[in-house]
C-alpha atoms as a PDB file:
ATOM      1  CA  MET A   1     -39.846  32.074 -38.276  1.00  0.00           C
ATOM      2  CA  ASP A   2     -42.321  30.498 -36.100  1.00  0.00           C
ATOM      3  CA  ARG A   3     -43.292  33.712 -34.135  1.00  0.00           C
ATOM      4  CA  VAL A   4     -46.909  32.945 -34.019  1.00  0.00           C
ATOM      5  CA  LYS A   5     -46.747  29.201 -34.492  1.00  0.00           C
ATOM      6  CA  GLY A   6     -50.126  27.497 -33.731  1.00  0.00           C
ATOM      7  CA  LYS A   7     -52.250  30.451 -33.432  1.00  0.00           C
ATOM      8  CA  VAL A   8     -55.217  31.015 -35.707  1.00  0.00           C
ATOM      9  CA  ALA A   9     -56.163  34.191 -37.300  1.00  0.00           C
ATOM     10  CA  ILE A  10     -58.718  35.855 -39.223  1.00  0.00           C
ATOM     11  CA  VAL A  11     -57.611  38.720 -41.465  1.00  0.00           C
ATOM     12  CA  THR A  12     -60.597  40.676 -43.098  1.00  0.00           C
ATOM     13  CA  GLY A  13     -60.118  42.415 -46.126  1.00  0.00           C
ATOM     14  CA  GLY A  14     -57.517  39.790 -46.876  1.00  0.00           C
ATOM     15  CA  GLY A  15     -57.660  40.087 -50.933  1.00  0.00           C
ATOM     16  CA  GLY A  16     -56.346  43.345 -50.764  1.00  0.00           C
ATOM     17  CA  ASP A  17     -52.957  44.628 -50.650  1.00  0.00           C
ATOM     18  CA  LEU A  18     -52.559  45.274 -46.871  1.00  0.00           C
ATOM     19  CA  GLY A  19     -54.773  42.196 -45.982  1.00  0.00           C
ATOM     20  CA  ALA A  20     -52.556  39.730 -48.347  1.00  0.00           C
ATOM     21  CA  ALA A  21     -49.223  41.005 -47.266  1.00  0.00           C
ATOM     22  CA  THR A  22     -50.688  40.477 -43.617  1.00  0.00           C
ATOM     23  CA  ALA A  23     -52.010  36.799 -44.280  1.00  0.00           C
ATOM     24  CA  LEU A  24     -48.932  35.681 -46.093  1.00  0.00           C
ATOM     25  CA  LEU A  25     -46.642  36.889 -43.298  1.00  0.00           C
ATOM     26  CA  LEU A  26     -48.644  35.496 -40.606  1.00  0.00           C
ATOM     27  CA  ALA A  27     -48.724  32.071 -42.449  1.00  0.00           C
ATOM     28  CA  LYS A  28     -45.204  32.062 -42.971  1.00  0.00           C
ATOM     29  CA  GLU A  29     -44.735  32.631 -39.537  1.00  0.00           C
ATOM     30  CA  GLY A  30     -46.722  29.376 -38.435  1.00  0.00           C
ATOM     31  CA  ALA A  31     -50.348  30.921 -38.177  1.00  0.00           C
ATOM     32  CA  LYS A  32     -53.227  29.114 -39.664  1.00  0.00           C
ATOM     33  CA  VAL A  33     -55.285  32.026 -41.561  1.00  0.00           C
ATOM     34  CA  VAL A  34     -58.602  32.629 -42.338  1.00  0.00           C
ATOM     35  CA  ILE A  35     -58.823  35.101 -45.141  1.00  0.00           C
ATOM     36  CA  THR A  36     -62.029  36.994 -45.765  1.00  0.00           C
ATOM     37  CA  ASP A  37     -62.980  39.333 -48.414  1.00  0.00           C
ATOM     38  CA  VAL A  38     -66.227  40.403 -50.509  1.00  0.00           C
ATOM     39  CA  ASP A  39     -63.871  39.679 -53.331  1.00  0.00           C
ATOM     40  CA  GLU A  40     -63.852  35.995 -53.836  1.00  0.00           C
ATOM     41  CA  THR A  41     -61.097  35.938 -56.732  1.00  0.00           C
ATOM     42  CA  ARG A  42     -58.650  38.001 -54.866  1.00  0.00           C
ATOM     43  CA  GLY A  43     -59.360  36.371 -51.483  1.00  0.00           C
ATOM     44  CA  LYS A  44     -58.737  32.668 -52.989  1.00  0.00           C
ATOM     45  CA  LYS A  45     -55.713  33.760 -54.815  1.00  0.00           C
ATOM     46  CA  VAL A  46     -54.105  34.655 -51.494  1.00  0.00           C
ATOM     47  CA  VAL A  47     -55.187  31.177 -50.089  1.00  0.00           C
ATOM     48  CA  GLU A  48     -53.425  29.503 -52.986  1.00  0.00           C
ATOM     49  CA  ASP A  49     -49.885  31.713 -52.442  1.00  0.00           C
ATOM     50  CA  ILE A  50     -50.239  30.615 -48.835  1.00  0.00           C
ATOM     51  CA  ARG A  51     -50.722  27.216 -49.495  1.00  0.00           C
ATOM     52  CA  ARG A  52     -48.230  26.824 -52.156  1.00  0.00           C
ATOM     53  CA  ASP A  53     -45.606  28.211 -49.713  1.00  0.00           C
ATOM     54  CA  GLY A  54     -46.396  25.364 -47.422  1.00  0.00           C
ATOM     55  CA  GLY A  55     -48.753  27.595 -45.298  1.00  0.00           C
ATOM     56  CA  THR A  56     -52.408  26.792 -43.863  1.00  0.00           C
ATOM     57  CA  ALA A  57     -55.121  28.993 -44.991  1.00  0.00           C
ATOM     58  CA  ILE A  58     -58.935  29.094 -46.159  1.00  0.00           C
ATOM     59  CA  PHE A  59     -61.142  31.697 -47.706  1.00  0.00           C
ATOM     60  CA  LEU A  60     -64.616  32.740 -46.577  1.00  0.00           C
ATOM     61  CA  LYS A  61     -66.675  35.455 -48.573  1.00  0.00           C
ATOM     62  CA  HIS A  62     -67.752  37.781 -46.046  1.00  0.00           C
ATOM     63  CA  ASP A  63     -69.282  41.221 -45.727  1.00  0.00           C
ATOM     64  CA  VAL A  64     -68.172  42.976 -42.430  1.00  0.00           C
ATOM     65  CA  THR A  65     -71.236  44.756 -42.160  1.00  0.00           C
ATOM     66  CA  SER A  66     -73.455  41.953 -41.601  1.00  0.00           C
ATOM     67  CA  GLU A  67     -73.683  40.316 -38.292  1.00  0.00           C
ATOM     68  CA  GLN A  68     -74.674  37.033 -39.552  1.00  0.00           C
ATOM     69  CA  ASP A  69     -71.773  36.682 -41.770  1.00  0.00           C
ATOM     70  CA  TRP A  70     -69.435  37.606 -38.628  1.00  0.00           C
ATOM     71  CA  LYS A  71     -71.249  34.651 -36.796  1.00  0.00           C
ATOM     72  CA  GLU A  72     -70.734  32.287 -39.687  1.00  0.00           C
ATOM     73  CA  VAL A  73     -67.074  33.550 -40.146  1.00  0.00           C
ATOM     74  CA  ILE A  74     -66.181  32.887 -36.395  1.00  0.00           C
ATOM     75  CA  ASP A  75     -68.375  29.861 -36.259  1.00  0.00           C
ATOM     76  CA  LYS A  76     -66.590  28.070 -39.345  1.00  0.00           C
ATOM     77  CA  THR A  77     -63.033  29.313 -38.117  1.00  0.00           C
ATOM     78  CA  VAL A  78     -63.498  27.522 -34.637  1.00  0.00           C
ATOM     79  CA  SER A  79     -65.071  24.643 -36.425  1.00  0.00           C
ATOM     80  CA  GLU A  80     -62.328  24.052 -39.044  1.00  0.00           C
ATOM     81  CA  PHE A  81     -59.316  25.075 -36.354  1.00  0.00           C
ATOM     82  CA  GLY A  82     -60.697  24.754 -33.103  1.00  0.00           C
ATOM     83  CA  LYS A  83     -60.186  28.230 -31.667  1.00  0.00           C
ATOM     84  CA  LEU A  84     -59.410  31.765 -32.688  1.00  0.00           C
ATOM     85  CA  ASP A  85     -56.183  33.635 -31.610  1.00  0.00           C
ATOM     86  CA  VAL A  86     -55.988  36.628 -33.582  1.00  0.00           C
ATOM     87  CA  LEU A  87     -58.296  38.769 -35.355  1.00  0.00           C
ATOM     88  CA  VAL A  88     -57.101  41.776 -37.808  1.00  0.00           C
ATOM     89  CA  ASN A  89     -59.958  44.272 -38.507  1.00  0.00           C
ATOM     90  CA  ASN A  90     -58.345  45.221 -41.931  1.00  0.00           C
ATOM     91  CA  ALA A  91     -61.261  45.722 -44.145  1.00  0.00           C
ATOM     92  CA  GLY A  92     -61.859  49.225 -45.181  1.00  0.00           C
ATOM     93  CA  VAL A  93     -62.560  51.814 -47.785  1.00  0.00           C
ATOM     94  CA  PHE A  94     -62.103  55.476 -48.533  1.00  0.00           C
ATOM     95  CA  SER A  95     -63.942  58.636 -49.223  1.00  0.00           C
ATOM     96  CA  ARG A  96     -62.410  61.564 -50.698  1.00  0.00           C
ATOM     97  CA  ASN A  97     -65.155  64.493 -50.599  1.00  0.00           C
ATOM     98  CA  PRO A  98     -65.339  67.908 -49.151  1.00  0.00           C
ATOM     99  CA  ILE A  99     -67.735  67.532 -45.964  1.00  0.00           C
ATOM    100  CA  GLU A 100     -70.317  69.925 -47.777  1.00  0.00           C
ATOM    101  CA  ASP A 101     -70.538  67.537 -50.807  1.00  0.00           C
ATOM    102  CA  ILE A 102     -70.566  64.029 -48.896  1.00  0.00           C
ATOM    103  CA  PRO A 103     -73.741  62.319 -49.831  1.00  0.00           C
ATOM    104  CA  LEU A 104     -75.342  61.007 -46.359  1.00  0.00           C
ATOM    105  CA  GLU A 105     -75.386  57.382 -48.310  1.00  0.00           C
ATOM    106  CA  GLU A 106     -71.481  57.839 -48.821  1.00  0.00           C
ATOM    107  CA  TRP A 107     -70.820  58.743 -45.170  1.00  0.00           C
ATOM    108  CA  ARG A 108     -73.228  55.698 -44.118  1.00  0.00           C
ATOM    109  CA  TRP A 109     -71.188  53.500 -46.509  1.00  0.00           C
ATOM    110  CA  VAL A 110     -67.584  54.432 -45.018  1.00  0.00           C
ATOM    111  CA  ILE A 111     -68.781  54.384 -41.380  1.00  0.00           C
ATOM    112  CA  GLY A 112     -70.430  50.756 -42.118  1.00  0.00           C
ATOM    113  CA  ILE A 113     -67.472  49.301 -43.465  1.00  0.00           C
ATOM    114  CA  ASN A 114     -64.722  51.328 -41.284  1.00  0.00           C
ATOM    115  CA  LEU A 115     -66.327  51.359 -37.932  1.00  0.00           C
ATOM    116  CA  ASP A 116     -69.441  49.096 -37.847  1.00  0.00           C
ATOM    117  CA  GLY A 117     -67.211  46.193 -39.394  1.00  0.00           C
ATOM    118  CA  VAL A 118     -64.658  46.630 -36.470  1.00  0.00           C
ATOM    119  CA  PHE A 119     -67.454  46.832 -33.965  1.00  0.00           C
ATOM    120  CA  LEU A 120     -68.910  43.455 -35.214  1.00  0.00           C
ATOM    121  CA  GLY A 121     -65.777  41.770 -35.643  1.00  0.00           C
ATOM    122  CA  THR A 122     -64.552  42.845 -32.072  1.00  0.00           C
ATOM    123  CA  LYS A 123     -67.723  41.610 -30.669  1.00  0.00           C
ATOM    124  CA  HIS A 124     -67.799  38.212 -32.070  1.00  0.00           C
ATOM    125  CA  GLY A 125     -64.049  37.717 -31.676  1.00  0.00           C
ATOM    126  CA  ILE A 126     -64.282  38.586 -28.086  1.00  0.00           C
ATOM    127  CA  ARG A 127     -67.022  36.092 -27.593  1.00  0.00           C
ATOM    128  CA  ALA A 128     -64.787  33.238 -29.088  1.00  0.00           C
ATOM    129  CA  MET A 129     -61.650  34.083 -27.810  1.00  0.00           C
ATOM    130  CA  LYS A 130     -62.642  34.200 -24.095  1.00  0.00           C
ATOM    131  CA  LYS A 131     -64.001  30.830 -24.397  1.00  0.00           C
ATOM    132  CA  THR A 132     -60.439  29.548 -25.102  1.00  0.00           C
ATOM    133  CA  GLY A 133     -58.028  31.385 -23.010  1.00  0.00           C
ATOM    134  CA  GLY A 134     -57.748  34.968 -24.922  1.00  0.00           C
ATOM    135  CA  GLY A 135     -56.368  36.249 -28.070  1.00  0.00           C
ATOM    136  CA  SER A 136     -55.041  39.537 -29.770  1.00  0.00           C
ATOM    137  CA  ILE A 137     -57.469  41.970 -31.627  1.00  0.00           C
ATOM    138  CA  ILE A 138     -55.905  44.214 -34.080  1.00  0.00           C
ATOM    139  CA  ASN A 139     -58.007  47.226 -35.602  1.00  0.00           C
ATOM    140  CA  ILE A 140     -56.663  48.969 -38.698  1.00  0.00           C
ATOM    141  CA  SER A 141     -56.707  52.598 -38.396  1.00  0.00           C
ATOM    142  CA  SER A 142     -54.888  55.310 -40.183  1.00  0.00           C
ATOM    143  CA  VAL A 143     -52.900  58.140 -39.321  1.00  0.00           C
ATOM    144  CA  ALA A 144     -56.096  60.072 -40.364  1.00  0.00           C
ATOM    145  CA  GLY A 145     -57.653  58.936 -37.344  1.00  0.00           C
ATOM    146  CA  LEU A 146     -54.676  60.664 -35.110  1.00  0.00           C
ATOM    147  CA  VAL A 147     -54.394  63.838 -37.072  1.00  0.00           C
ATOM    148  CA  GLY A 148     -56.554  66.073 -39.266  1.00  0.00           C
ATOM    149  CA  MET A 149     -55.153  66.295 -42.629  1.00  0.00           C
ATOM    150  CA  ALA A 150     -55.420  68.729 -45.511  1.00  0.00           C
ATOM    151  CA  PRO A 151     -56.830  66.454 -48.312  1.00  0.00           C
ATOM    152  CA  PRO A 152     -60.827  66.067 -47.869  1.00  0.00           C
ATOM    153  CA  THR A 153     -61.095  62.996 -45.789  1.00  0.00           C
ATOM    154  CA  SER A 154     -63.721  63.700 -43.186  1.00  0.00           C
ATOM    155  CA  ALA A 155     -65.863  60.684 -43.360  1.00  0.00           C
ATOM    156  CA  TYR A 156     -62.660  58.424 -43.354  1.00  0.00           C
ATOM    157  CA  ALA A 157     -60.912  60.303 -40.903  1.00  0.00           C
ATOM    158  CA  ALA A 158     -64.164  59.947 -38.359  1.00  0.00           C
ATOM    159  CA  SER A 159     -64.474  56.257 -38.845  1.00  0.00           C
ATOM    160  CA  LYS A 160     -60.513  55.807 -38.355  1.00  0.00           C
ATOM    161  CA  GLY A 161     -60.713  58.054 -35.291  1.00  0.00           C
ATOM    162  CA  ALA A 162     -63.626  56.160 -33.773  1.00  0.00           C
ATOM    163  CA  VAL A 163     -61.743  53.043 -34.223  1.00  0.00           C
ATOM    164  CA  ARG A 164     -58.838  54.069 -32.215  1.00  0.00           C
ATOM    165  CA  LEU A 165     -61.122  55.040 -29.175  1.00  0.00           C
ATOM    166  CA  PHE A 166     -63.149  52.189 -29.437  1.00  0.00           C
ATOM    167  CA  SER A 167     -59.957  49.721 -29.421  1.00  0.00           C
ATOM    168  CA  LYS A 168     -59.051  51.377 -26.114  1.00  0.00           C
ATOM    169  CA  SER A 169     -62.440  51.136 -24.542  1.00  0.00           C
ATOM    170  CA  ALA A 170     -62.292  47.382 -25.698  1.00  0.00           C
ATOM    171  CA  ALA A 171     -58.954  46.815 -24.085  1.00  0.00           C
ATOM    172  CA  ILE A 172     -59.854  47.973 -20.861  1.00  0.00           C
ATOM    173  CA  GLN A 173     -63.159  45.793 -20.903  1.00  0.00           C
ATOM    174  CA  CYS A 174     -60.770  42.863 -21.775  1.00  0.00           C
ATOM    175  CA  SER A 175     -58.292  43.432 -19.458  1.00  0.00           C
ATOM    176  CA  LYS A 176     -57.796  41.865 -15.705  1.00  0.00           C
ATOM    177  CA  ALA A 177     -59.053  45.336 -14.394  1.00  0.00           C
ATOM    178  CA  VAL A 178     -62.545  44.633 -15.499  1.00  0.00           C
ATOM    179  CA  HIS A 179     -63.560  41.357 -17.114  1.00  0.00           C
ATOM    180  CA  ASP A 180     -60.018  39.530 -17.187  1.00  0.00           C
ATOM    181  CA  TYR A 181     -60.584  37.945 -20.726  1.00  0.00           C
ATOM    182  CA  ASN A 182     -56.958  37.730 -21.447  1.00  0.00           C
ATOM    183  CA  ILE A 183     -57.522  39.665 -24.809  1.00  0.00           C
ATOM    184  CA  ARG A 184     -55.456  42.580 -25.881  1.00  0.00           C
ATOM    185  CA  VAL A 185     -56.810  45.189 -28.331  1.00  0.00           C
ATOM    186  CA  ASN A 186     -54.805  47.737 -29.906  1.00  0.00           C
ATOM    187  CA  SER A 187     -55.253  49.858 -33.042  1.00  0.00           C
ATOM    188  CA  LEU A 188     -52.552  50.183 -35.880  1.00  0.00           C
ATOM    189  CA  HIS A 189     -52.154  53.451 -37.626  1.00  0.00           C
ATOM    190  CA  PRO A 190     -50.213  53.349 -41.188  1.00  0.00           C
ATOM    191  CA  GLY A 191     -49.563  56.269 -42.919  1.00  0.00           C
ATOM    192  CA  PHE A 192     -49.140  56.556 -46.750  1.00  0.00           C
ATOM    193  CA  ILE A 193     -48.818  53.234 -48.036  1.00  0.00           C
ATOM    194  CA  MET A 194     -48.364  52.371 -51.657  1.00  0.00           C
ATOM    195  CA  THR A 195     -51.732  50.428 -52.334  1.00  0.00           C
ATOM    196  CA  PRO A 196     -54.530  50.871 -54.817  1.00  0.00           C
ATOM    197  CA  MET A 197     -56.211  53.103 -52.281  1.00  0.00           C
ATOM    198  CA  LEU A 198     -53.477  55.589 -52.361  1.00  0.00           C
ATOM    199  CA  GLU A 199     -53.088  55.318 -56.349  1.00  0.00           C
ATOM    200  CA  LYS A 200     -56.946  56.319 -56.418  1.00  0.00           C
ATOM    201  CA  VAL A 201     -55.997  59.366 -54.268  1.00  0.00           C
ATOM    202  CA  PHE A 202     -53.105  60.185 -56.588  1.00  0.00           C
ATOM    203  CA  GLN A 203     -55.463  60.151 -59.789  1.00  0.00           C
ATOM    204  CA  THR A 204     -57.860  62.007 -58.144  1.00  0.00           C
ATOM    205  CA  GLU A 205     -55.448  64.838 -57.063  1.00  0.00           C
ATOM    206  CA  MET A 206     -53.781  64.764 -60.446  1.00  0.00           C
ATOM    207  CA  ALA A 207     -57.095  65.450 -61.753  1.00  0.00           C
ATOM    208  CA  SER A 208     -57.963  68.146 -59.653  1.00  0.00           C
ATOM    209  CA  THR A 209     -54.641  70.081 -59.856  1.00  0.00           C
ATOM    210  CA  GLY A 210     -52.991  69.281 -63.125  1.00  0.00           C
ATOM    211  CA  ARG A 211     -49.982  67.955 -61.678  1.00  0.00           C
ATOM    212  CA  THR A 212     -48.260  65.015 -63.050  1.00  0.00           C
ATOM    213  CA  TYR A 213     -48.081  61.388 -60.931  1.00  0.00           C
ATOM    214  CA  GLU A 214     -44.480  61.808 -60.228  1.00  0.00           C
ATOM    215  CA  GLU A 215     -45.269  65.243 -58.623  1.00  0.00           C
ATOM    216  CA  VAL A 216     -48.096  63.917 -56.680  1.00  0.00           C
ATOM    217  CA  ARG A 217     -46.088  60.875 -55.422  1.00  0.00           C
ATOM    218  CA  ARG A 218     -43.126  63.080 -54.704  1.00  0.00           C
ATOM    219  CA  THR A 219     -45.194  65.358 -52.355  1.00  0.00           C
ATOM    220  CA  ARG A 220     -46.437  62.418 -50.574  1.00  0.00           C
ATOM    221  CA  GLU A 221     -42.872  61.003 -50.162  1.00  0.00           C
ATOM    222  CA  GLU A 222     -41.785  64.317 -48.776  1.00  0.00           C
ATOM    223  CA  TRP A 223     -44.447  64.362 -46.145  1.00  0.00           C
ATOM    224  CA  ALA A 224     -42.775  61.606 -44.020  1.00  0.00           C
ATOM    225  CA  PRO A 225     -39.654  62.220 -42.817  1.00  0.00           C
ATOM    226  CA  MET A 226     -37.985  58.974 -43.837  1.00  0.00           C
ATOM    227  CA  GLY A 227     -38.456  60.099 -47.467  1.00  0.00           C
ATOM    228  CA  ARG A 228     -40.574  57.648 -49.183  1.00  0.00           C
ATOM    229  CA  LEU A 229     -44.007  55.637 -48.888  1.00  0.00           C
ATOM    230  CA  GLY A 230     -44.679  52.577 -47.124  1.00  0.00           C
ATOM    231  CA  THR A 231     -45.143  49.282 -48.344  1.00  0.00           C
ATOM    232  CA  PRO A 232     -47.851  46.635 -47.442  1.00  0.00           C
ATOM    233  CA  LEU A 233     -44.908  44.629 -45.764  1.00  0.00           C
ATOM    234  CA  ASP A 234     -44.001  47.617 -43.315  1.00  0.00           C
ATOM    235  CA  VAL A 235     -47.576  46.995 -41.949  1.00  0.00           C
ATOM    236  CA  ALA A 236     -47.784  43.697 -41.902  1.00  0.00           C
ATOM    237  CA  TYR A 237     -44.646  43.591 -39.700  1.00  0.00           C
ATOM    238  CA  GLY A 238     -46.503  45.679 -37.255  1.00  0.00           C
ATOM    239  CA  VAL A 239     -49.635  43.126 -37.244  1.00  0.00           C
ATOM    240  CA  LEU A 240     -47.172  40.368 -36.503  1.00  0.00           C
ATOM    241  CA  TYR A 241     -45.710  42.104 -33.518  1.00  0.00           C
ATOM    242  CA  LEU A 242     -49.240  42.684 -32.196  1.00  0.00           C
ATOM    243  CA  ALA A 243     -50.174  38.870 -33.032  1.00  0.00           C
ATOM    244  CA  SER A 244     -47.298  37.696 -31.303  1.00  0.00           C
ATOM    245  CA  ASP A 245     -46.665  36.858 -27.747  1.00  0.00           C
ATOM    246  CA  GLU A 246     -43.821  39.459 -28.028  1.00  0.00           C
ATOM    247  CA  SER A 247     -46.480  42.386 -27.382  1.00  0.00           C
ATOM    248  CA  ALA A 248     -47.863  40.406 -24.468  1.00  0.00           C
ATOM    249  CA  TYR A 249     -47.612  43.826 -22.209  1.00  0.00           C
ATOM    250  CA  VAL A 250     -49.187  45.743 -25.100  1.00  0.00           C
ATOM    251  CA  THR A 251     -52.917  46.630 -25.074  1.00  0.00           C
ATOM    252  CA  GLY A 252     -54.996  49.697 -25.644  1.00  0.00           C
ATOM    253  CA  THR A 253     -52.555  51.523 -27.457  1.00  0.00           C
ATOM    254  CA  GLU A 254     -51.655  53.108 -31.099  1.00  0.00           C
ATOM    255  CA  LEU A 255     -48.960  51.349 -33.238  1.00  0.00           C
ATOM    256  CA  VAL A 256     -48.051  54.318 -35.652  1.00  0.00           C
ATOM    257  CA  ILE A 257     -46.506  52.956 -39.061  1.00  0.00           C
ATOM    258  CA  ASP A 258     -46.104  56.190 -40.979  1.00  0.00           C
ATOM    259  CA  GLY A 259     -42.453  56.876 -41.653  1.00  0.00           C
ATOM    260  CA  GLY A 260     -42.366  59.600 -38.840  1.00  0.00           C
ATOM    261  CA  TYR A 261     -45.288  61.838 -40.453  1.00  0.00           C
ATOM    262  CA  THR A 262     -47.222  62.231 -37.473  1.00  0.00           C
ATOM    263  CA  ALA A 263     -44.148  63.388 -35.634  1.00  0.00           C
ATOM    264  CA  ARG A 264     -43.760  66.586 -37.173  1.00  0.00           C
END
């Protein structure tokens, strides 16, 4: 308990499974949490869950591709809680089309949310954190940002690979070697995590191959040496570590949570 006691955290995409698990765990460990999402109903439900358990949280509707929204979210967070210590850039979308079939609009949609959203969050997060002594920025990438994958995920992979290197660059800029902001920046790379996003992948694969749900799921489980799919809580504990002072010497690196998938 109390691993992030007294810290103020923003979790984007906080209404989804990964975001909700992260927000709930951060609140349980003592953080005041600002949950942002375009889905107001789901985001407010997470706030209710946190408050019911005795935690502190607020919800702000937020389009991560809007710079004006980012300014308002940061301003409201600092106005409500006095500072920003932790930013979890979690909001993201998925695209599954072969390169030759991806409409340019779909490409830009994926890049806009997965990469532009991380850039804007990091930009305005740095501005807020450096005024109050520093913090930790955690950018959610993917194993698809580390290695090539057989399924047609090129737009998604491009966005997530860019998040990885953007995070490294931001970490150096914020370090003592350059601007000495006392802000750490890291990327986190989940593998196959059982979420609605992965369920959609399963459904697409079932439709294209004729295989059953259990056959598709079993294949994914076998891809990880640990022999199971991940859970949102598996990822949330990684975020908690990077948000806490336990990771005080960790910046500009990747935390991979994939059951050993990329170790093969």
